[in-house]
Every structure is written in structure tokens, then in C-alpha cells.
Amino acid sequence: MCRRSSTIFAVLALLLTVSPVRAHHVGAYVPRDNEISANFKQIKFSAQAQKFAVALKLYEDGALRRGLLKQSSTLPAGLDASIRDALKAGDGPAVEAGLMVFFAALVRDLALEADRQLADARTPPALRVAGGSKFLDAIWRYYNLVDFAVSQQDPKAATAVRLAFEEAEGHAKARAPAPERMRTSLTRIARILAGVIEASSLTRRHS
């Protein structure tokens, strides 16, 4: 198994140990926190309160940064340093943008891994869809944290992600298992967020 898949499996395992999979709809369901999402909220709220020294310590010592460093090979170069620099400079918008990129990349990779598993014809369709549903729960947990930030940067992309998620969820609940249809929605999520990440990275490089 490649390093990238191992990291994604580890993140998914962490999520499923603290939050059962349950039915939900976009905008109506807020997943319970795990270590990464709880740490994100601590950092965000501290930064919003202008307590950047506190936010920096929460970031440097927290689960979010550990996850970011483990996934560094799939992230834009220098993302960790840019978040730390923004926290040290007290630049709230830059902090939010950096954290958005991390979670967008995490969701992108979860969507791609879900697509890979859904494509495995050796597994019965119903089991593939059940596995895909667990990935959807993980995807919404993390995307929900940064939907507002994505909406500020690219409202059309944010809307498209939510619509693709709703489509995937609908296919997951269909009477007849539809792994191929779920794949279409998930690859769209991954493609949209790849564009969001690239646009944000270009902005950081030119700022």
C-alpha cells in the first residue's frame, strides 16, 4: 500500500472511532468533532479573538498539524510554514486560507480514495456503496469546516461541491446499489477542490 493511501486510511479510521455513520443532508447535519476538527476550531476561534500566540501554540502542538505533516506529500509545498508565518504575523485571513487548503486537500484525497474503492469490481456493489457512505461521512465532516472559506474564495465551487455531495449521498441511498454513479459525484468533488487548492496556492505565491 502506498504512503498516500495509508495516510487516508489512518484519517478515516480516526474519524470512525469517534463518530458513527448516520444519515444527513447538506446544511442540516454537523458531525461530532474528532481530534483534528476540534483542534481546527480551537485555532480558528483563538485567531478570530486576536489571540494569535495561543492559536500558534494550538497549531504547533495539535492534531491538525500532525495530520498536515503526515500528508505533506499531497499538499502544496510550504503550507505548514505559511500557516505558522501567518499565525506569527497575526494575519487572520492568511491563517484561514492556509487551513482551508489543508482541509480541501484532505477531502480531495478522501474522495479519490473512495473512488478507487468503489471501482473495485472484486467487491459486491452493495458493499462498495456501504464503504462509499463511510467516506461520505468523512468528507462532509471535513468539508463542513471550511465551506464558508471556500465560498468566500469561489462561491461557484462551494455550491458545486455541495451539489456533488448531495448527488453522491442520493446514489448511496438508492434502492439498487450504484457505485459507478457515486464515483462520478466523488471525482467531481475531487476535481473541484483541486481547482480551489491551485487557485489558493497561486494567490499565496503572488501575494
N, C-alpha and C. Protein backbone atom coordinates (compact mmCIF):
# COMPACT_ATOMS: atom_id res chain seq x y z
N MET A 1 0.84 -1.20 0.00
CA MET A 1 0.00 0.00 0.00
C MET A 1 0.88 1.25 0.00
N CYS A 2 0.53 2.24 -0.81
CA CYS A 2 1.35 3.44 -0.90
C CYS A 2 1.16 4.31 0.33
N ARG A 3 2.11 5.24 0.54
CA ARG A 3 2.06 6.11 1.71
C ARG A 3 0.81 6.95 1.71
N ARG A 4 0.40 7.43 0.54
CA ARG A 4 -0.78 8.29 0.46
C ARG A 4 -2.02 7.54 0.93
N SER A 5 -2.22 6.28 0.47
CA SER A 5 -3.38 5.51 0.88
C SER A 5 -3.34 5.22 2.36
N SER A 6 -2.16 4.92 2.89
CA SER A 6 -2.02 4.63 4.32
C SER A 6 -2.45 5.83 5.15
N THR A 7 -2.05 7.03 4.73
CA THR A 7 -2.43 8.25 5.46
C THR A 7 -3.94 8.44 5.44
N ILE A 8 -4.57 8.24 4.30
CA ILE A 8 -6.01 8.42 4.18
C ILE A 8 -6.74 7.41 5.05
N PHE A 9 -6.28 6.14 5.03
CA PHE A 9 -6.92 5.13 5.86
C PHE A 9 -6.80 5.48 7.33
N ALA A 10 -5.65 6.02 7.74
CA ALA A 10 -5.45 6.39 9.14
C ALA A 10 -6.41 7.50 9.55
N VAL A 11 -6.58 8.50 8.67
CA VAL A 11 -7.51 9.59 8.97
C VAL A 11 -8.94 9.07 9.04
N LEU A 12 -9.32 8.21 8.11
CA LEU A 12 -10.68 7.67 8.11
C LEU A 12 -10.92 6.83 9.35
N ALA A 13 -9.92 6.04 9.75
CA ALA A 13 -10.07 5.22 10.96
C ALA A 13 -10.26 6.09 12.19
N LEU A 14 -9.52 7.20 12.26
CA LEU A 14 -9.68 8.12 13.38
C LEU A 14 -11.09 8.66 13.43
N LEU A 15 -11.61 9.05 12.30
CA LEU A 15 -12.96 9.61 12.26
C LEU A 15 -13.99 8.59 12.72
N LEU A 16 -13.90 7.36 12.23
CA LEU A 16 -14.93 6.38 12.51
C LEU A 16 -14.89 5.86 13.94
N THR A 17 -13.78 6.07 14.63
CA THR A 17 -13.73 5.64 16.03
C THR A 17 -14.49 6.59 16.94
N VAL A 18 -14.78 7.80 16.47
CA VAL A 18 -15.43 8.78 17.34
C VAL A 18 -16.80 9.21 16.84
N SER A 19 -17.17 8.82 15.63
CA SER A 19 -18.46 9.30 15.12
C SER A 19 -19.11 8.22 14.27
N PRO A 20 -20.28 7.72 14.66
CA PRO A 20 -20.95 6.72 13.85
C PRO A 20 -21.45 7.31 12.54
N VAL A 21 -21.53 6.47 11.51
CA VAL A 21 -22.09 6.91 10.23
C VAL A 21 -23.59 7.06 10.41
N ARG A 22 -24.14 8.15 9.91
CA ARG A 22 -25.56 8.40 10.08
C ARG A 22 -26.08 9.17 8.88
N ALA A 23 -27.38 9.09 8.67
CA ALA A 23 -27.98 9.80 7.55
C ALA A 23 -27.95 11.30 7.81
N HIS A 24 -27.70 12.09 6.77
CA HIS A 24 -27.69 13.53 6.93
C HIS A 24 -27.90 14.21 5.60
N HIS A 25 -28.15 15.48 5.65
CA HIS A 25 -28.30 16.27 4.44
C HIS A 25 -27.46 17.52 4.56
N VAL A 26 -26.95 18.00 3.46
CA VAL A 26 -26.09 19.18 3.47
C VAL A 26 -26.82 20.34 4.14
N GLY A 27 -26.11 20.97 5.07
CA GLY A 27 -26.68 22.12 5.74
C GLY A 27 -27.49 21.79 6.98
N ALA A 28 -27.77 20.50 7.21
CA ALA A 28 -28.61 20.14 8.36
C ALA A 28 -27.88 19.28 9.38
N TYR A 29 -26.70 18.79 9.03
CA TYR A 29 -26.01 17.85 9.90
C TYR A 29 -24.60 18.36 10.20
N VAL A 30 -24.27 18.49 11.47
CA VAL A 30 -22.93 18.90 11.87
C VAL A 30 -22.28 17.71 12.57
N PRO A 31 -21.26 17.09 11.97
CA PRO A 31 -20.64 15.90 12.56
C PRO A 31 -19.99 16.22 13.90
N ARG A 32 -19.92 15.21 14.76
CA ARG A 32 -19.22 15.37 16.02
C ARG A 32 -17.73 15.56 15.75
N ASP A 33 -17.07 16.25 16.68
CA ASP A 33 -15.65 16.53 16.50
C ASP A 33 -14.79 15.31 16.77
N ASN A 34 -13.68 15.22 16.04
CA ASN A 34 -12.58 14.35 16.41
C ASN A 34 -11.40 15.25 16.75
N GLU A 35 -10.22 14.69 16.93
CA GLU A 35 -9.07 15.49 17.35
C GLU A 35 -8.72 16.58 16.35
N ILE A 36 -8.78 16.25 15.06
CA ILE A 36 -8.39 17.20 14.03
C ILE A 36 -9.40 18.35 13.93
N SER A 37 -10.68 18.00 13.86
CA SER A 37 -11.69 19.05 13.72
C SER A 37 -11.79 19.91 14.99
N ALA A 38 -11.63 19.29 16.16
CA ALA A 38 -11.66 20.06 17.41
C ALA A 38 -10.48 21.03 17.47
N ASN A 39 -9.31 20.57 17.06
CA ASN A 39 -8.12 21.43 17.05
C ASN A 39 -8.30 22.58 16.07
N PHE A 40 -8.89 22.30 14.91
CA PHE A 40 -9.18 23.36 13.94
C PHE A 40 -10.04 24.46 14.57
N LYS A 41 -11.09 24.07 15.27
CA LYS A 41 -11.99 25.06 15.87
C LYS A 41 -11.28 25.86 16.95
N GLN A 42 -10.40 25.21 17.72
CA GLN A 42 -9.64 25.93 18.74
C GLN A 42 -8.75 27.00 18.10
N ILE A 43 -8.07 26.60 17.03
CA ILE A 43 -7.18 27.54 16.33
C ILE A 43 -8.00 28.68 15.72
N LYS A 44 -9.09 28.33 15.05
CA LYS A 44 -9.91 29.34 14.38
C LYS A 44 -10.48 30.34 15.38
N PHE A 45 -11.04 29.85 16.48
CA PHE A 45 -11.66 30.75 17.45
C PHE A 45 -10.61 31.63 18.13
N SER A 46 -9.43 31.08 18.40
CA SER A 46 -8.36 31.88 19.00
C SER A 46 -7.91 32.97 18.05
N ALA A 47 -7.78 32.63 16.77
CA ALA A 47 -7.37 33.63 15.79
C ALA A 47 -8.43 34.71 15.63
N GLN A 48 -9.69 34.32 15.62
CA GLN A 48 -10.77 35.29 15.49
C GLN A 48 -10.81 36.24 16.68
N ALA A 49 -10.38 35.75 17.85
CA ALA A 49 -10.33 36.58 19.05
C ALA A 49 -9.02 37.37 19.14
N GLN A 50 -8.22 37.31 18.06
CA GLN A 50 -6.95 38.02 18.01
C GLN A 50 -5.93 37.47 19.02
N LYS A 51 -6.11 36.25 19.46
CA LYS A 51 -5.17 35.61 20.37
C LYS A 51 -4.24 34.72 19.55
N PHE A 52 -3.41 35.36 18.74
CA PHE A 52 -2.61 34.61 17.78
C PHE A 52 -1.50 33.79 18.43
N ALA A 53 -0.97 34.25 19.58
CA ALA A 53 0.05 33.46 20.27
C ALA A 53 -0.56 32.15 20.76
N VAL A 54 -1.79 32.21 21.26
CA VAL A 54 -2.49 31.00 21.69
C VAL A 54 -2.78 30.10 20.49
N ALA A 55 -3.25 30.71 19.40
CA ALA A 55 -3.56 29.95 18.19
C ALA A 55 -2.31 29.26 17.64
N LEU A 56 -1.18 29.94 17.70
CA LEU A 56 0.07 29.36 17.21
C LEU A 56 0.45 28.13 18.02
N LYS A 57 0.34 28.22 19.33
CA LYS A 57 0.68 27.07 20.18
C LYS A 57 -0.29 25.91 19.93
N LEU A 58 -1.57 26.24 19.79
CA LEU A 58 -2.57 25.20 19.50
C LEU A 58 -2.26 24.51 18.17
N TYR A 59 -1.79 25.30 17.21
CA TYR A 59 -1.44 24.72 15.91
C TYR A 59 -0.18 23.87 16.01
N GLU A 60 0.86 24.42 16.60
CA GLU A 60 2.14 23.72 16.64
C GLU A 60 2.07 22.42 17.44
N ASP A 61 1.25 22.39 18.47
CA ASP A 61 1.19 21.22 19.34
C ASP A 61 0.00 20.30 19.06
N GLY A 62 -0.82 20.67 18.07
CA GLY A 62 -2.11 19.99 17.92
C GLY A 62 -2.17 18.89 16.87
N ALA A 63 -3.32 18.21 16.88
CA ALA A 63 -3.56 17.09 15.97
C ALA A 63 -3.64 17.53 14.52
N LEU A 64 -4.11 18.76 14.29
CA LEU A 64 -4.25 19.24 12.91
C LEU A 64 -2.88 19.29 12.23
N ARG A 65 -1.90 19.88 12.90
CA ARG A 65 -0.58 19.98 12.29
C ARG A 65 0.05 18.60 12.11
N ARG A 66 -0.18 17.70 13.06
CA ARG A 66 0.36 16.34 12.91
C ARG A 66 -0.22 15.68 11.66
N GLY A 67 -1.52 15.87 11.45
CA GLY A 67 -2.14 15.32 10.25
C GLY A 67 -1.61 15.99 8.99
N LEU A 68 -1.41 17.30 9.06
CA LEU A 68 -0.89 18.03 7.91
C LEU A 68 0.50 17.55 7.53
N LEU A 69 1.36 17.36 8.53
CA LEU A 69 2.72 16.92 8.24
C LEU A 69 2.75 15.50 7.69
N LYS A 70 1.85 14.64 8.18
CA LYS A 70 1.79 13.27 7.65
C LYS A 70 1.36 13.28 6.19
N GLN A 71 0.54 14.25 5.82
CA GLN A 71 0.00 14.32 4.47
C GLN A 71 0.78 15.29 3.58
N SER A 72 1.94 15.73 4.02
CA SER A 72 2.66 16.80 3.35
C SER A 72 2.97 16.50 1.88
N SER A 73 3.14 15.21 1.55
CA SER A 73 3.49 14.87 0.17
C SER A 73 2.35 15.17 -0.81
N THR A 74 1.13 15.32 -0.32
CA THR A 74 -0.02 15.59 -1.19
C THR A 74 -0.49 17.04 -1.09
N LEU A 75 0.24 17.86 -0.34
CA LEU A 75 -0.16 19.24 -0.11
C LEU A 75 0.76 20.21 -0.87
N PRO A 76 0.30 21.44 -1.10
CA PRO A 76 1.18 22.45 -1.71
C PRO A 76 2.43 22.65 -0.86
N ALA A 77 3.56 22.79 -1.52
CA ALA A 77 4.83 22.97 -0.80
C ALA A 77 4.77 24.20 0.09
N GLY A 78 5.29 24.06 1.30
CA GLY A 78 5.39 25.20 2.20
C GLY A 78 4.11 25.55 2.93
N LEU A 79 3.09 24.69 2.89
CA LEU A 79 1.82 25.04 3.52
C LEU A 79 1.97 25.19 5.04
N ASP A 80 2.67 24.26 5.66
CA ASP A 80 2.88 24.35 7.11
C ASP A 80 3.57 25.65 7.48
N ALA A 81 4.63 25.99 6.77
CA ALA A 81 5.37 27.22 7.07
C ALA A 81 4.50 28.45 6.86
N SER A 82 3.66 28.44 5.84
CA SER A 82 2.82 29.61 5.56
C SER A 82 1.78 29.80 6.65
N ILE A 83 1.23 28.71 7.18
CA ILE A 83 0.26 28.82 8.27
C ILE A 83 0.94 29.35 9.53
N ARG A 84 2.12 28.82 9.84
CA ARG A 84 2.85 29.27 11.02
C ARG A 84 3.25 30.75 10.88
N ASP A 85 3.70 31.13 9.70
CA ASP A 85 4.09 32.53 9.48
C ASP A 85 2.88 33.45 9.64
N ALA A 86 1.74 33.02 9.12
CA ALA A 86 0.53 33.84 9.22
C ALA A 86 0.09 34.00 10.68
N LEU A 87 0.21 32.92 11.45
CA LEU A 87 -0.13 32.99 12.87
C LEU A 87 0.82 33.93 13.61
N LYS A 88 2.11 33.84 13.30
CA LYS A 88 3.09 34.72 13.95
C LYS A 88 2.86 36.18 13.58
N ALA A 89 2.40 36.42 12.35
CA ALA A 89 2.16 37.80 11.88
C ALA A 89 0.79 38.33 12.29
N GLY A 90 -0.05 37.46 12.87
CA GLY A 90 -1.40 37.90 13.22
C GLY A 90 -2.27 38.17 12.02
N ASP A 91 -2.05 37.41 10.93
CA ASP A 91 -2.78 37.59 9.68
C ASP A 91 -3.92 36.57 9.62
N GLY A 92 -5.08 36.96 10.15
CA GLY A 92 -6.22 36.05 10.22
C GLY A 92 -6.66 35.48 8.88
N PRO A 93 -6.86 36.32 7.85
CA PRO A 93 -7.29 35.80 6.55
C PRO A 93 -6.30 34.78 5.97
N ALA A 94 -5.00 35.01 6.15
CA ALA A 94 -4.00 34.07 5.64
C ALA A 94 -4.03 32.75 6.41
N VAL A 95 -4.29 32.84 7.71
CA VAL A 95 -4.43 31.62 8.51
C VAL A 95 -5.61 30.80 8.00
N GLU A 96 -6.74 31.48 7.81
CA GLU A 96 -7.95 30.80 7.33
C GLU A 96 -7.73 30.18 5.96
N ALA A 97 -7.03 30.90 5.08
CA ALA A 97 -6.77 30.39 3.74
C ALA A 97 -5.89 29.14 3.79
N GLY A 98 -4.87 29.16 4.64
CA GLY A 98 -3.99 28.00 4.74
C GLY A 98 -4.70 26.79 5.29
N LEU A 99 -5.53 26.98 6.31
CA LEU A 99 -6.28 25.86 6.87
C LEU A 99 -7.30 25.34 5.86
N MET A 100 -7.89 26.24 5.08
CA MET A 100 -8.82 25.81 4.04
C MET A 100 -8.14 24.89 3.04
N VAL A 101 -6.92 25.23 2.65
CA VAL A 101 -6.20 24.40 1.69
C VAL A 101 -5.96 23.01 2.25
N PHE A 102 -5.58 22.93 3.53
CA PHE A 102 -5.35 21.62 4.13
C PHE A 102 -6.61 20.76 4.09
N PHE A 103 -7.74 21.31 4.53
CA PHE A 103 -8.96 20.51 4.57
C PHE A 103 -9.49 20.22 3.17
N ALA A 104 -9.34 21.15 2.25
CA ALA A 104 -9.74 20.89 0.87
C ALA A 104 -8.93 19.73 0.29
N ALA A 105 -7.64 19.69 0.61
CA ALA A 105 -6.79 18.59 0.12
C ALA A 105 -7.16 17.28 0.79
N LEU A 106 -7.49 17.33 2.07
CA LEU A 106 -7.91 16.13 2.77
C LEU A 106 -9.19 15.56 2.16
N VAL A 107 -10.15 16.43 1.89
CA VAL A 107 -11.41 16.00 1.27
C VAL A 107 -11.15 15.47 -0.14
N ARG A 108 -10.32 16.18 -0.89
CA ARG A 108 -9.97 15.72 -2.25
C ARG A 108 -9.42 14.30 -2.21
N ASP A 109 -8.49 14.03 -1.30
CA ASP A 109 -7.86 12.72 -1.24
C ASP A 109 -8.82 11.64 -0.75
N LEU A 110 -9.70 12.00 0.18
CA LEU A 110 -10.72 11.04 0.61
C LEU A 110 -11.66 10.69 -0.54
N ALA A 111 -12.03 11.70 -1.34
CA ALA A 111 -12.90 11.45 -2.48
C ALA A 111 -12.21 10.54 -3.51
N LEU A 112 -10.93 10.77 -3.74
CA LEU A 112 -10.20 9.94 -4.69
C LEU A 112 -10.05 8.51 -4.19
N GLU A 113 -9.81 8.35 -2.89
CA GLU A 113 -9.69 7.01 -2.33
C GLU A 113 -11.04 6.29 -2.36
N ALA A 114 -12.11 7.02 -2.08
CA ALA A 114 -13.45 6.44 -2.19
C ALA A 114 -13.71 5.97 -3.61
N ASP A 115 -13.33 6.79 -4.58
CA ASP A 115 -13.50 6.42 -5.99
C ASP A 115 -12.72 5.15 -6.32
N ARG A 116 -11.50 5.04 -5.80
CA ARG A 116 -10.69 3.86 -6.06
C ARG A 116 -11.35 2.60 -5.51
N GLN A 117 -11.90 2.70 -4.30
CA GLN A 117 -12.54 1.54 -3.70
C GLN A 117 -13.86 1.20 -4.38
N LEU A 118 -14.60 2.22 -4.77
CA LEU A 118 -15.86 1.97 -5.47
C LEU A 118 -15.64 1.32 -6.83
N ALA A 119 -14.46 1.49 -7.41
CA ALA A 119 -14.16 0.92 -8.73
C ALA A 119 -13.73 -0.55 -8.64
N ASP A 120 -13.52 -1.06 -7.45
CA ASP A 120 -13.01 -2.42 -7.28
C ASP A 120 -14.12 -3.44 -7.54
N ALA A 121 -14.13 -4.00 -8.74
CA ALA A 121 -15.18 -4.93 -9.15
C ALA A 121 -15.13 -6.25 -8.40
N ARG A 122 -14.06 -6.51 -7.66
CA ARG A 122 -13.97 -7.75 -6.88
C ARG A 122 -14.90 -7.73 -5.68
N THR A 123 -15.35 -6.53 -5.29
CA THR A 123 -16.24 -6.37 -4.13
C THR A 123 -17.67 -6.20 -4.62
N PRO A 124 -18.65 -6.87 -4.00
CA PRO A 124 -20.05 -6.71 -4.42
C PRO A 124 -20.48 -5.25 -4.37
N PRO A 125 -21.33 -4.82 -5.29
CA PRO A 125 -21.75 -3.42 -5.35
C PRO A 125 -22.30 -2.88 -4.03
N ALA A 126 -23.10 -3.67 -3.33
CA ALA A 126 -23.69 -3.19 -2.08
C ALA A 126 -22.61 -2.88 -1.04
N LEU A 127 -21.59 -3.71 -0.98
CA LEU A 127 -20.50 -3.46 -0.03
C LEU A 127 -19.68 -2.26 -0.44
N ARG A 128 -19.49 -2.08 -1.74
CA ARG A 128 -18.76 -0.89 -2.21
C ARG A 128 -19.51 0.38 -1.84
N VAL A 129 -20.82 0.37 -2.02
CA VAL A 129 -21.63 1.54 -1.68
C VAL A 129 -21.60 1.80 -0.18
N ALA A 130 -21.66 0.73 0.62
CA ALA A 130 -21.60 0.91 2.08
C ALA A 130 -20.28 1.55 2.49
N GLY A 131 -19.18 1.11 1.87
CA GLY A 131 -17.89 1.73 2.14
C GLY A 131 -17.85 3.16 1.67
N GLY A 132 -18.46 3.42 0.51
CA GLY A 132 -18.51 4.78 -0.01
C GLY A 132 -19.28 5.71 0.91
N SER A 133 -20.30 5.19 1.57
CA SER A 133 -21.08 6.00 2.50
C SER A 133 -20.24 6.45 3.69
N LYS A 134 -19.35 5.58 4.15
CA LYS A 134 -18.46 5.95 5.24
C LYS A 134 -17.51 7.07 4.81
N PHE A 135 -17.05 6.98 3.58
CA PHE A 135 -16.20 8.06 3.06
C PHE A 135 -16.99 9.36 2.97
N LEU A 136 -18.25 9.29 2.58
CA LEU A 136 -19.07 10.50 2.50
C LEU A 136 -19.19 11.15 3.87
N ASP A 137 -19.33 10.35 4.91
CA ASP A 137 -19.41 10.91 6.26
C ASP A 137 -18.12 11.65 6.60
N ALA A 138 -17.00 11.04 6.24
CA ALA A 138 -15.70 11.67 6.48
C ALA A 138 -15.56 12.95 5.66
N ILE A 139 -15.95 12.89 4.42
CA ILE A 139 -15.84 14.04 3.53
C ILE A 139 -16.64 15.22 4.06
N TRP A 140 -17.87 14.96 4.50
CA TRP A 140 -18.69 16.08 4.99
C TRP A 140 -18.15 16.62 6.29
N ARG A 141 -17.62 15.75 7.16
CA ARG A 141 -17.03 16.23 8.41
C ARG A 141 -16.01 17.32 8.13
N TYR A 142 -15.10 17.06 7.20
CA TYR A 142 -14.01 18.00 6.98
C TYR A 142 -14.40 19.15 6.07
N TYR A 143 -15.19 18.88 5.04
CA TYR A 143 -15.57 19.99 4.16
C TYR A 143 -16.44 21.00 4.91
N ASN A 144 -17.29 20.53 5.79
CA ASN A 144 -18.18 21.41 6.55
C ASN A 144 -17.40 22.48 7.32
N LEU A 145 -16.17 22.16 7.72
CA LEU A 145 -15.36 23.10 8.48
C LEU A 145 -14.91 24.30 7.65
N VAL A 146 -14.76 24.10 6.35
CA VAL A 146 -14.18 25.16 5.52
C VAL A 146 -15.10 25.61 4.38
N ASP A 147 -16.34 25.17 4.42
CA ASP A 147 -17.28 25.55 3.36
C ASP A 147 -17.38 27.07 3.24
N PHE A 148 -17.43 27.77 4.38
CA PHE A 148 -17.55 29.23 4.33
C PHE A 148 -16.32 29.85 3.67
N ALA A 149 -15.13 29.34 4.01
CA ALA A 149 -13.90 29.88 3.43
C ALA A 149 -13.85 29.61 1.93
N VAL A 150 -14.27 28.41 1.52
CA VAL A 150 -14.31 28.10 0.09
C VAL A 150 -15.31 29.01 -0.60
N SER A 151 -16.45 29.24 0.04
CA SER A 151 -17.48 30.10 -0.55
C SER A 151 -16.98 31.52 -0.76
N GLN A 152 -16.16 32.01 0.16
CA GLN A 152 -15.61 33.35 0.02
C GLN A 152 -14.64 33.42 -1.15
N GLN A 153 -13.86 32.36 -1.35
CA GLN A 153 -12.87 32.37 -2.43
C GLN A 153 -13.53 32.09 -3.78
N ASP A 154 -14.45 31.12 -3.81
CA ASP A 154 -15.05 30.69 -5.07
C ASP A 154 -16.47 30.18 -4.80
N PRO A 155 -17.46 31.06 -4.79
CA PRO A 155 -18.83 30.65 -4.48
C PRO A 155 -19.36 29.54 -5.39
N LYS A 156 -19.01 29.59 -6.67
CA LYS A 156 -19.48 28.56 -7.60
C LYS A 156 -18.90 27.20 -7.24
N ALA A 157 -17.63 27.18 -6.85
CA ALA A 157 -17.01 25.91 -6.47
C ALA A 157 -17.67 25.34 -5.22
N ALA A 158 -17.94 26.21 -4.24
CA ALA A 158 -18.57 25.74 -3.00
C ALA A 158 -19.95 25.15 -3.29
N THR A 159 -20.72 25.82 -4.12
CA THR A 159 -22.04 25.30 -4.48
C THR A 159 -21.91 23.97 -5.21
N ALA A 160 -20.94 23.87 -6.11
CA ALA A 160 -20.76 22.65 -6.88
C ALA A 160 -20.36 21.48 -5.99
N VAL A 161 -19.53 21.74 -4.99
CA VAL A 161 -19.14 20.67 -4.05
C VAL A 161 -20.36 20.17 -3.29
N ARG A 162 -21.17 21.10 -2.79
CA ARG A 162 -22.36 20.70 -2.03
C ARG A 162 -23.33 19.90 -2.89
N LEU A 163 -23.51 20.33 -4.14
CA LEU A 163 -24.41 19.61 -5.04
C LEU A 163 -23.88 18.20 -5.35
N ALA A 164 -22.57 18.10 -5.59
CA ALA A 164 -21.97 16.80 -5.88
C ALA A 164 -22.09 15.88 -4.67
N PHE A 165 -21.92 16.45 -3.48
CA PHE A 165 -22.07 15.64 -2.27
C PHE A 165 -23.50 15.13 -2.14
N GLU A 166 -24.48 15.99 -2.38
CA GLU A 166 -25.88 15.57 -2.30
C GLU A 166 -26.18 14.48 -3.32
N GLU A 167 -25.60 14.59 -4.52
CA GLU A 167 -25.80 13.57 -5.53
C GLU A 167 -25.21 12.23 -5.06
N ALA A 168 -24.00 12.28 -4.53
CA ALA A 168 -23.35 11.05 -4.06
C ALA A 168 -24.16 10.41 -2.95
N GLU A 169 -24.67 11.25 -2.05
CA GLU A 169 -25.48 10.73 -0.95
C GLU A 169 -26.76 10.09 -1.48
N GLY A 170 -27.36 10.72 -2.48
CA GLY A 170 -28.56 10.14 -3.09
C GLY A 170 -28.28 8.79 -3.72
N HIS A 171 -27.15 8.67 -4.42
CA HIS A 171 -26.78 7.39 -5.03
C HIS A 171 -26.49 6.34 -3.96
N ALA A 172 -25.94 6.77 -2.84
CA ALA A 172 -25.64 5.83 -1.75
C ALA A 172 -26.92 5.26 -1.15
N LYS A 173 -28.01 6.04 -1.19
CA LYS A 173 -29.27 5.61 -0.59
C LYS A 173 -30.22 4.96 -1.60
N ALA A 174 -29.80 4.89 -2.86
CA ALA A 174 -30.67 4.32 -3.89
C ALA A 174 -30.99 2.86 -3.58
N ARG A 175 -32.16 2.42 -4.00
CA ARG A 175 -32.57 1.05 -3.73
C ARG A 175 -31.62 0.05 -4.38
N ALA A 176 -31.23 0.34 -5.60
CA ALA A 176 -30.26 -0.52 -6.29
C ALA A 176 -28.87 0.08 -6.11
N PRO A 177 -27.90 -0.67 -5.59
CA PRO A 177 -26.54 -0.12 -5.38
C PRO A 177 -25.99 0.49 -6.66
N ALA A 178 -25.46 1.71 -6.55
CA ALA A 178 -24.99 2.43 -7.74
C ALA A 178 -23.58 2.97 -7.52
N PRO A 179 -22.58 2.07 -7.39
CA PRO A 179 -21.22 2.55 -7.14
C PRO A 179 -20.67 3.44 -8.25
N GLU A 180 -21.01 3.16 -9.51
CA GLU A 180 -20.49 3.97 -10.61
C GLU A 180 -21.02 5.39 -10.56
N ARG A 181 -22.27 5.54 -10.19
CA ARG A 181 -22.83 6.88 -10.08
C ARG A 181 -22.21 7.64 -8.91
N MET A 182 -21.96 6.93 -7.82
CA MET A 182 -21.27 7.58 -6.70
C MET A 182 -19.89 8.04 -7.14
N ARG A 183 -19.21 7.23 -7.94
CA ARG A 183 -17.87 7.59 -8.41
C ARG A 183 -17.89 8.90 -9.19
N THR A 184 -18.89 9.07 -10.03
CA THR A 184 -18.98 10.31 -10.82
C THR A 184 -19.06 11.53 -9.92
N SER A 185 -19.88 11.45 -8.87
CA SER A 185 -20.03 12.58 -7.95
C SER A 185 -18.75 12.82 -7.16
N LEU A 186 -18.11 11.75 -6.72
CA LEU A 186 -16.91 11.88 -5.89
C LEU A 186 -15.74 12.44 -6.70
N THR A 187 -15.59 11.99 -7.93
CA THR A 187 -14.50 12.53 -8.74
C THR A 187 -14.74 14.00 -9.07
N ARG A 188 -16.01 14.40 -9.15
CA ARG A 188 -16.31 15.82 -9.36
C ARG A 188 -15.89 16.63 -8.14
N ILE A 189 -16.15 16.12 -6.94
CA ILE A 189 -15.71 16.80 -5.72
C ILE A 189 -14.20 16.96 -5.72
N ALA A 190 -13.50 15.89 -6.05
CA ALA A 190 -12.03 15.93 -6.06
C ALA A 190 -11.52 16.94 -7.08
N ARG A 191 -12.13 16.98 -8.25
CA ARG A 191 -11.69 17.89 -9.31
C ARG A 191 -11.94 19.36 -8.92
N ILE A 192 -13.11 19.62 -8.35
CA ILE A 192 -13.43 21.00 -7.95
C ILE A 192 -12.46 21.48 -6.88
N LEU A 193 -12.22 20.65 -5.89
CA LEU A 193 -11.34 21.07 -4.79
C LEU A 193 -9.89 21.17 -5.23
N ALA A 194 -9.48 20.37 -6.20
CA ALA A 194 -8.14 20.53 -6.75
C ALA A 194 -7.98 21.92 -7.35
N GLY A 195 -9.04 22.39 -8.01
CA GLY A 195 -9.00 23.75 -8.57
C GLY A 195 -8.96 24.82 -7.50
N VAL A 196 -9.71 24.60 -6.42
CA VAL A 196 -9.70 25.56 -5.29
C VAL A 196 -8.31 25.64 -4.68
N ILE A 197 -7.68 24.48 -4.50
CA ILE A 197 -6.33 24.43 -3.92
C ILE A 197 -5.34 25.14 -4.81
N GLU A 198 -5.42 24.89 -6.10
CA GLU A 198 -4.48 25.52 -7.04
C GLU A 198 -4.66 27.04 -7.05
N ALA A 199 -5.91 27.49 -7.07
CA ALA A 199 -6.16 28.93 -7.08
C ALA A 199 -5.63 29.58 -5.81
N SER A 200 -5.86 28.93 -4.66
CA SER A 200 -5.38 29.49 -3.40
C SER A 200 -3.87 29.50 -3.35
N SER A 201 -3.24 28.44 -3.88
CA SER A 201 -1.77 28.36 -3.88
C SER A 201 -1.17 29.44 -4.77
N LEU A 202 -1.80 29.71 -5.90
CA LEU A 202 -1.33 30.77 -6.79
C LEU A 202 -1.42 32.13 -6.10
N THR A 203 -2.52 32.34 -5.37
CA THR A 203 -2.70 33.59 -4.65
C THR A 203 -1.61 33.78 -3.61
N ARG A 204 -1.28 32.68 -2.87
CA ARG A 204 -0.24 32.76 -1.84
C ARG A 204 1.12 33.07 -2.46
N ARG A 205 1.41 32.47 -3.61
CA ARG A 205 2.71 32.68 -4.24
C ARG A 205 2.86 34.09 -4.77
N HIS A 206 1.75 34.72 -5.17
CA HIS A 206 1.81 36.04 -5.78
C HIS A 206 1.56 37.17 -4.79
N SER A 207 1.24 36.80 -3.54
CA SER A 207 0.96 37.84 -2.54
C SER A 207 2.24 38.37 -1.92
